[in-house]
Amino acid sequence: QVQLVESGGGLVQAGGSLRLSCAASGRTFSSYSMGWFRQAPGKEREFVAAVSWSGGNTYYADSVKGRFTISRDNAKNTVYLQMNSLKPEDTALYYCAARSFSKSGAYSSPARYDYWGQGTQVTVSS
């Protein structure tokens, strides 16, 4: 069982930056691959970024590539999402998710994740 708590969301102007954090409970954090997803009102949840259990592999949605960076600190049981050059279309509720490292399937599929946080709101004003 893994519990995830996101933080770091807020209101920022276009072009600004935010860093989201996701703190995980449990001793086996390093055995989970981690992902960030987002959901805007009236839209489906969409993949943002993912990182493998070791941190050695990262994956990004085309819409955030070059602007967002995902990283993890297994010693602190935390995964981060550094968001730069934010745009109004990045406005959404951002979720952290965990999946067992042994699970196969696309990192971009929400269905492949076992645990979810409650989300943190990011609002980008124009």
Foldseek 3Di string as FASTA:
>chain_A
DKAKAKDWADEEAAQAKIKMKIAIDDDPLLQKKKFKWWDAPPDDIWGAKIAASVRPDIDGDPVQPPFWDWGDDSVRRMIMIIGGRDDQVVWTWMKMFIAGNPFDDDPTDPVRTDDIYPTDTHGYHD
